[in-house]
């Protein structure tokens, strides 16, 4: 009985891990885009205005 139950649990775990892993990667990419956009905006503002203000 135990041998039959284990593979099912393992397959469910791997599918859940894969789903969470994909969503985790999407969140990381989204955060990276936001950080890059903010950094680029700050750099442009510093170059144009020459100030340390963080507003776009």
PDB file of N, CA and C in Angstrom:
ATOM      1  N   UNK A   1       0.837  -1.209   0.000  1.00  0.00           N
ATOM      2  CA  UNK A   1       0.000   0.000   0.000  1.00  0.00           C
ATOM      3  C   UNK A   1       0.869   1.255   0.000  1.00  0.00           C
ATOM      4  N   UNK A   2       1.881   1.254   0.845  1.00  0.00           N
ATOM      5  CA  UNK A   2       2.729   2.439   0.954  1.00  0.00           C
ATOM      6  C   UNK A   2       3.464   2.710  -0.359  1.00  0.00           C
ATOM      7  N   UNK A   3       3.918   1.654  -1.007  1.00  0.00           N
ATOM      8  CA  UNK A   3       4.649   1.827  -2.257  1.00  0.00           C
ATOM      9  C   UNK A   3       3.760   2.425  -3.344  1.00  0.00           C
ATOM     10  N   UNK A   4       2.486   2.070  -3.347  1.00  0.00           N
ATOM     11  CA  UNK A   4       1.560   2.607  -4.335  1.00  0.00           C
ATOM     12  C   UNK A   4       1.228   4.069  -4.056  1.00  0.00           C
ATOM     13  N   UNK A   5       1.190   4.462  -2.801  1.00  0.00           N
ATOM     14  CA  UNK A   5       0.794   5.829  -2.443  1.00  0.00           C
ATOM     15  C   UNK A   5       1.902   6.841  -2.736  1.00  0.00           C
ATOM     16  N   UNK A   6       3.141   6.431  -2.544  1.00  0.00           N
ATOM     17  CA  UNK A   6       4.245   7.391  -2.667  1.00  0.00           C
ATOM     18  C   UNK A   6       4.358   8.053  -4.046  1.00  0.00           C
ATOM     19  N   UNK A   7       4.360   7.304  -5.153  1.00  0.00           N
ATOM     20  CA  UNK A   7       4.510   7.952  -6.469  1.00  0.00           C
ATOM     21  C   UNK A   7       3.455   9.015  -6.743  1.00  0.00           C
ATOM     22  N   UNK A   8       2.215   8.776  -6.299  1.00  0.00           N
ATOM     23  CA  UNK A   8       1.149   9.763  -6.522  1.00  0.00           C
ATOM     24  C   UNK A   8       1.482  11.073  -5.823  1.00  0.00           C
ATOM     25  N   UNK A   9       1.909  10.976  -4.578  1.00  0.00           N
ATOM     26  CA  UNK A   9       2.257  12.171  -3.807  1.00  0.00           C
ATOM     27  C   UNK A   9       3.424  12.891  -4.486  1.00  0.00           C
ATOM     28  N   UNK A  10       4.412  12.124  -4.938  1.00  0.00           N
ATOM     29  CA  UNK A  10       5.585  12.718  -5.581  1.00  0.00           C
ATOM     30  C   UNK A  10       5.205  13.460  -6.858  1.00  0.00           C
ATOM     31  N   UNK A  11       4.341  12.837  -7.676  1.00  0.00           N
ATOM     32  CA  UNK A  11       3.947  13.481  -8.932  1.00  0.00           C
ATOM     33  C   UNK A  11       3.174  14.770  -8.652  1.00  0.00           C
ATOM     34  N   UNK A  12       2.305  14.744  -7.634  1.00  0.00           N
ATOM     35  CA  UNK A  12       1.562  15.960  -7.275  1.00  0.00           C
ATOM     36  C   UNK A  12       2.519  17.042  -6.791  1.00  0.00           C
ATOM     37  N   UNK A  13       3.491  16.650  -5.975  1.00  0.00           N
ATOM     38  CA  UNK A  13       4.463  17.612  -5.450  1.00  0.00           C
ATOM     39  C   UNK A  13       5.248  18.252  -6.591  1.00  0.00           C
ATOM     40  N   UNK A  14       5.712  17.448  -7.540  1.00  0.00           N
ATOM     41  CA  UNK A  14       6.519  17.992  -8.632  1.00  0.00           C
ATOM     42  C   UNK A  14       5.696  18.948  -9.490  1.00  0.00           C
ATOM     43  N   UNK A  15       4.426  18.610  -9.744  1.00  0.00           N
ATOM     44  CA  UNK A  15       3.588  19.503 -10.552  1.00  0.00           C
ATOM     45  C   UNK A  15       3.362  20.817  -9.814  1.00  0.00           C
ATOM     46  N   UNK A  16       3.126  20.750  -8.509  1.00  0.00           N
ATOM     47  CA  UNK A  16       2.944  21.967  -7.712  1.00  0.00           C
ATOM     48  C   UNK A  16       4.226  22.790  -7.689  1.00  0.00           C
ATOM     49  N   UNK A  17       5.355  22.112  -7.545  1.00  0.00           N
ATOM     50  CA  UNK A  17       6.650  22.808  -7.531  1.00  0.00           C
ATOM     51  C   UNK A  17       6.870  23.511  -8.865  1.00  0.00           C
ATOM     52  N   UNK A  18       6.556  22.818  -9.965  1.00  0.00           N
ATOM     53  CA  UNK A  18       6.739  23.415 -11.291  1.00  0.00           C
ATOM     54  C   UNK A  18       5.871  24.653 -11.447  1.00  0.00           C
ATOM     55  N   UNK A  19       4.613  24.572 -11.015  1.00  0.00           N
ATOM     56  CA  UNK A  19       3.702  25.722 -11.124  1.00  0.00           C
ATOM     57  C   UNK A  19       4.215  26.896 -10.295  1.00  0.00           C
ATOM     58  N   UNK A  20       4.595  26.621  -9.038  1.00  0.00           N
ATOM     59  CA  UNK A  20       5.071  27.696  -8.160  1.00  0.00           C
ATOM     60  C   UNK A  20       6.378  28.261  -8.705  1.00  0.00           C
ATOM     61  N   UNK A  21       7.224  27.399  -9.282  1.00  0.00           N
ATOM     62  CA  UNK A  21       8.502  27.835  -9.846  1.00  0.00           C
ATOM     63  C   UNK A  21       8.272  28.793 -11.007  1.00  0.00           C
ATOM     64  N   UNK A  22       7.337  28.446 -11.890  1.00  0.00           N
ATOM     65  CA  UNK A  22       7.032  29.309 -13.038  1.00  0.00           C
ATOM     66  C   UNK A  22       6.471  30.650 -12.582  1.00  0.00           C
ATOM     67  N   UNK A  23       5.554  30.630 -11.626  1.00  0.00           N
ATOM     68  CA  UNK A  23       4.979  31.883 -11.128  1.00  0.00           C
ATOM     69  C   UNK A  23       6.055  32.697 -10.427  1.00  0.00           C
ATOM     70  N   UNK A  24       6.971  32.026  -9.738  1.00  0.00           N
ATOM     71  CA  UNK A  24       8.069  32.711  -9.046  1.00  0.00           C
ATOM     72  C   UNK A  24       8.955  33.421 -10.062  1.00  0.00           C
ATOM     73  N   UNK A  25       9.275  32.737 -11.168  1.00  0.00           N
ATOM     74  CA  UNK A  25      10.101  33.340 -12.221  1.00  0.00           C
ATOM     75  C   UNK A  25       9.382  34.544 -12.814  1.00  0.00           C
ATOM     76  N   UNK A  26       8.079  34.423 -13.064  1.00  0.00           N
ATOM     77  CA  UNK A  26       7.310  35.547 -13.609  1.00  0.00           C
ATOM     78  C   UNK A  26       7.376  36.741 -12.673  1.00  0.00           C
ATOM     79  N   UNK A  27       7.225  36.496 -11.361  1.00  0.00           N
ATOM     80  CA  UNK A  27       7.285  37.586 -10.384  1.00  0.00           C
ATOM     81  C   UNK A  27       8.661  38.236 -10.383  1.00  0.00           C
ATOM     82  N   UNK A  28       9.723  37.419 -10.456  1.00  0.00           N
ATOM     83  CA  UNK A  28      11.087  37.957 -10.470  1.00  0.00           C
ATOM     84  C   UNK A  28      11.286  38.826 -11.705  1.00  0.00           C
ATOM     85  N   UNK A  29      10.841  38.352 -12.866  1.00  0.00           N
ATOM     86  CA  UNK A  29      10.996  39.119 -14.104  1.00  0.00           C
ATOM     87  C   UNK A  29      10.227  40.428 -14.021  1.00  0.00           C
ATOM     88  N   UNK A  30       9.008  40.380 -13.463  1.00  0.00           N
ATOM     89  CA  UNK A  30       8.193  41.582 -13.325  1.00  0.00           C
ATOM     90  C   UNK A  30       8.901  42.594 -12.419  1.00  0.00           C
ATOM     91  N   UNK A  31       9.450  42.103 -11.295  1.00  0.00           N
ATOM     92  CA  UNK A  31      10.168  42.982 -10.374  1.00  0.00           C
ATOM     93  C   UNK A  31      11.420  43.554 -11.029  1.00  0.00           C
ATOM     94  N   UNK A  32      12.134  42.733 -11.797  1.00  0.00           N
ATOM     95  CA  UNK A  32      13.337  43.203 -12.493  1.00  0.00           C
ATOM     96  C   UNK A  32      12.980  44.305 -13.473  1.00  0.00           C
ATOM     97  N   UNK A  33      11.907  44.124 -14.238  1.00  0.00           N
ATOM     98  CA  UNK A  33      11.475  45.159 -15.187  1.00  0.00           C
ATOM     99  C   UNK A  33      11.170  46.454 -14.460  1.00  0.00           C
ATOM    100  N   UNK A  34      10.465  46.358 -13.323  1.00  0.00           N
ATOM    101  CA  UNK A  34      10.101  47.550 -12.560  1.00  0.00           C
ATOM    102  C   UNK A  34      11.361  48.249 -12.051  1.00  0.00           C
ATOM    103  N   UNK A  35      12.321  47.465 -11.523  1.00  0.00           N
ATOM    104  CA  UNK A  35      13.570  48.041 -10.998  1.00  0.00           C
ATOM    105  C   UNK A  35      14.353  48.710 -12.123  1.00  0.00           C
ATOM    106  N   UNK A  36      14.447  48.039 -13.275  1.00  0.00           N
ATOM    107  CA  UNK A  36      15.186  48.599 -14.413  1.00  0.00           C
ATOM    108  C   UNK A  36      14.526  49.887 -14.885  1.00  0.00           C
ATOM    109  N   UNK A  37      13.197  49.894 -14.975  1.00  0.00           N
ATOM    110  CA  UNK A  37      12.473  51.101 -15.390  1.00  0.00           C
ATOM    111  C   UNK A  37      12.729  52.240 -14.419  1.00  0.00           C
ATOM    112  N   UNK A  38      12.659  51.949 -13.114  1.00  0.00           N
ATOM    113  CA  UNK A  38      12.897  52.978 -12.104  1.00  0.00           C
ATOM    114  C   UNK A  38      14.326  53.498 -12.192  1.00  0.00           C
ATOM    115  N   UNK A  39      15.298  52.586 -12.302  1.00  0.00           N
ATOM    116  CA  UNK A  39      16.704  52.975 -12.370  1.00  0.00           C
ATOM    117  C   UNK A  39      16.962  53.820 -13.613  1.00  0.00           C
ATOM    118  N   UNK A  40      16.408  53.401 -14.749  1.00  0.00           N
ATOM    119  CA  UNK A  40      16.573  54.154 -15.986  1.00  0.00           C
ATOM    120  C   UNK A  40      15.957  55.533 -15.867  1.00  0.00           C
ATOM    121  N   UNK A  41      14.798  55.618 -15.245  1.00  0.00           N
ATOM    122  CA  UNK A  41      14.113  56.895 -15.056  1.00  0.00           C
ATOM    123  C   UNK A  41      14.956  57.810 -14.177  1.00  0.00           C
ATOM    124  N   UNK A  42      15.493  57.268 -13.087  1.00  0.00           N
ATOM    125  CA  UNK A  42      16.323  58.060 -12.173  1.00  0.00           C
ATOM    126  C   UNK A  42      17.579  58.540 -12.886  1.00  0.00           C
ATOM    127  N   UNK A  43      18.198  57.648 -13.664  1.00  0.00           N
ATOM    128  CA  UNK A  43      19.427  58.024 -14.378  1.00  0.00           C
ATOM    129  C   UNK A  43      19.140  59.139 -15.375  1.00  0.00           C
ATOM    130  N   UNK A  44      18.056  59.016 -16.142  1.00  0.00           N
ATOM    131  CA  UNK A  44      17.687  60.058 -17.102  1.00  0.00           C
ATOM    132  C   UNK A  44      17.457  61.376 -16.386  1.00  0.00           C
ATOM    133  N   UNK A  45      16.764  61.321 -15.262  1.00  0.00           N
ATOM    134  CA  UNK A  45      16.453  62.540 -14.515  1.00  0.00           C
ATOM    135  C   UNK A  45      17.735  63.180 -14.004  1.00  0.00           C
ATOM    136  N   UNK A  46      18.679  62.360 -13.512  1.00  0.00           N
ATOM    137  CA  UNK A  46      19.957  62.882 -13.021  1.00  0.00           C
ATOM    138  C   UNK A  46      20.734  63.526 -14.159  1.00  0.00           C
ATOM    139  N   UNK A  47      20.750  62.874 -15.316  1.00  0.00           N
ATOM    140  CA  UNK A  47      21.507  63.401 -16.459  1.00  0.00           C
ATOM    141  C   UNK A  47      20.893  64.711 -16.934  1.00  0.00           C
ATOM    142  N   UNK A  48      19.559  64.753 -17.048  1.00  0.00           N
ATOM    143  CA  UNK A  48      18.889  65.940 -17.584  1.00  0.00           C
ATOM    144  C   UNK A  48      18.903  67.077 -16.566  1.00  0.00           C
ATOM    145  N   UNK A  49      18.494  66.797 -15.337  1.00  0.00           N
ATOM    146  CA  UNK A  49      18.343  67.848 -14.327  1.00  0.00           C
ATOM    147  C   UNK A  49      19.618  68.048 -13.501  1.00  0.00           C
ATOM    148  N   UNK A  50      20.437  67.005 -13.403  1.00  0.00           N
ATOM    149  CA  UNK A  50      21.636  67.101 -12.589  1.00  0.00           C
ATOM    150  C   UNK A  50      21.338  67.100 -11.107  1.00  0.00           C
ATOM    151  N   UNK A  51      20.160  66.613 -10.710  1.00  0.00           N
ATOM    152  CA  UNK A  51      19.791  66.579  -9.296  1.00  0.00           C
ATOM    153  C   UNK A  51      19.642  65.134  -8.838  1.00  0.00           C
ATOM    154  N   UNK A  52      19.539  64.940  -7.529  1.00  0.00           N
ATOM    155  CA  UNK A  52      19.407  63.597  -6.977  1.00  0.00           C
ATOM    156  C   UNK A  52      17.951  63.248  -6.697  1.00  0.00           C
ATOM    157  N   UNK A  53      17.027  63.984  -7.265  1.00  0.00           N
ATOM    158  CA  UNK A  53      15.605  63.714  -7.070  1.00  0.00           C
ATOM    159  C   UNK A  53      15.240  62.393  -7.748  1.00  0.00           C
ATOM    160  N   UNK A  54      14.420  61.567  -7.103  1.00  0.00           N
ATOM    161  CA  UNK A  54      14.080  60.251  -7.648  1.00  0.00           C
ATOM    162  C   UNK A  54      12.751  60.254  -8.380  1.00  0.00           C
ATOM    163  N   UNK A  55      12.173  61.398  -8.626  1.00  0.00           N
ATOM    164  CA  UNK A  55      10.911  61.457  -9.364  1.00  0.00           C
ATOM    165  C   UNK A  55      11.185  61.513 -10.863  1.00  0.00           C
ATOM    166  N   UNK A  56      10.266  60.941 -11.632  1.00  0.00           N
ATOM    167  CA  UNK A  56      10.425  60.955 -13.090  1.00  0.00           C
ATOM    168  C   UNK A  56      10.013  62.322 -13.640  1.00  0.00           C
TER     169      UNK A  56
END
